[in-house]
Amino acid sequence: MRVEVLIFGKAAVSAKSDRVAVEVTGKGSCVTVRDVLRALHEQHPALRFALPDPDSGRLAVNQAFAKADEAIEPGDEVALVTLVGGG
């Protein structure tokens, strides 16, 4: 399944885009947040500085945080939400 992931901040600057696409395969027809994070690590190594660990990281799915084992369906909005510094 092809998943487009919205990216922000330094990750977007590094990718020169506000989104990246990954091809993801899961167990059977089920694709999880973990699968997408692993695909991001493999297919977009320049973004590793912004990516959480695939086994414990989260992505936003349909504007809500989703843990590693949560399923992603075709058409879901997926976003990488990185830490933002500030004071």
Protein backbone atom coordinates (compact mmCIF):
# COMPACT_ATOMS: atom_id res chain seq x y z
CA MET A 1 0.00 0.00 0.00
CA ARG A 2 1.24 3.49 -0.80
CA VAL A 3 1.03 5.87 2.15
CA GLU A 4 1.63 9.62 1.97
CA VAL A 5 3.00 11.04 5.20
CA LEU A 6 2.70 14.73 5.98
CA ILE A 7 5.90 16.17 7.45
CA PHE A 8 6.66 19.47 9.14
CA GLY A 9 9.52 21.63 10.39
CA LYS A 10 13.10 20.53 9.77
CA ALA A 11 11.93 17.25 8.23
CA ALA A 12 9.98 19.17 5.57
CA VAL A 13 12.92 21.48 4.95
CA SER A 14 15.23 18.48 4.56
CA ALA A 15 12.83 16.74 2.15
CA LYS A 16 12.03 20.00 0.32
CA SER A 17 8.39 19.00 0.54
CA ASP A 18 5.51 18.89 3.00
CA ARG A 19 4.96 15.18 2.42
CA VAL A 20 6.75 11.96 1.48
CA ALA A 21 5.38 8.70 0.13
CA VAL A 22 6.30 5.17 1.19
CA GLU A 23 5.39 1.75 -0.11
CA VAL A 24 4.36 -0.36 2.86
CA THR A 25 3.64 -4.05 3.27
CA GLY A 26 2.16 -5.40 6.46
CA LYS A 27 1.02 -8.76 7.72
CA GLY A 28 -1.68 -9.85 5.34
CA SER A 29 -3.58 -6.76 4.28
CA CYS A 30 -3.09 -4.95 7.60
CA VAL A 31 -0.63 -2.04 7.61
CA THR A 32 0.26 -0.52 10.99
CA VAL A 33 1.93 2.63 12.22
CA ARG A 34 4.99 0.45 12.95
CA ASP A 35 5.07 -0.68 9.30
CA VAL A 36 4.92 2.91 8.07
CA LEU A 37 7.68 4.02 10.45
CA ARG A 38 9.90 1.14 9.31
CA ALA A 39 9.25 2.05 5.67
CA LEU A 40 10.09 5.70 6.40
CA HIS A 41 13.42 4.64 7.99
CA GLU A 42 14.26 2.43 4.99
CA GLN A 43 12.98 4.56 2.11
CA HIS A 44 13.84 8.05 3.44
CA PRO A 45 17.15 7.73 5.33
CA ALA A 46 17.72 11.51 5.21
CA LEU A 47 14.74 11.90 7.55
CA ARG A 48 15.98 9.48 10.23
CA PHE A 49 16.97 12.41 12.44
CA ALA A 50 13.25 13.23 12.81
CA LEU A 51 11.80 9.71 12.92
CA PRO A 52 10.81 7.95 16.12
CA ASP A 53 11.71 4.32 16.79
CA PRO A 54 9.37 2.08 14.76
CA ASP A 55 8.55 -0.15 17.74
CA SER A 56 7.60 2.60 20.17
CA GLY A 57 6.96 5.66 18.01
CA ARG A 58 3.68 7.28 17.08
CA LEU A 59 2.27 8.99 14.05
CA ALA A 60 -0.85 11.09 13.78
CA VAL A 61 -3.56 9.20 11.91
CA ASN A 62 -6.64 11.20 11.00
CA GLN A 63 -5.49 13.98 13.33
CA ALA A 64 -5.13 11.79 16.43
CA PHE A 65 -1.99 10.17 17.80
CA ALA A 66 -1.77 6.48 16.94
CA LYS A 67 0.52 3.94 18.63
CA ALA A 68 2.76 1.49 16.79
CA ASP A 69 0.25 -1.36 16.50
CA GLU A 70 -2.68 0.71 15.23
CA ALA A 71 -3.91 -0.04 11.71
CA ILE A 72 -3.74 2.41 8.84
CA GLU A 73 -6.43 2.18 6.16
CA PRO A 74 -6.25 3.44 2.57
CA GLY A 75 -7.19 7.12 2.51
CA ASP A 76 -6.17 7.80 6.13
CA GLU A 77 -4.34 11.08 6.73
CA VAL A 78 -0.94 10.18 8.21
CA ALA A 79 1.44 12.76 9.67
CA LEU A 80 4.80 12.76 11.35
CA VAL A 81 4.60 15.11 14.32
CA THR A 82 8.08 15.89 15.60
CA LEU A 83 9.13 17.66 18.75
CA VAL A 84 9.20 21.41 18.54
CA GLY A 85 11.60 23.43 20.69
CA GLY A 86 10.81 26.78 22.07
CA GLY A 87 10.53 28.82 25.17
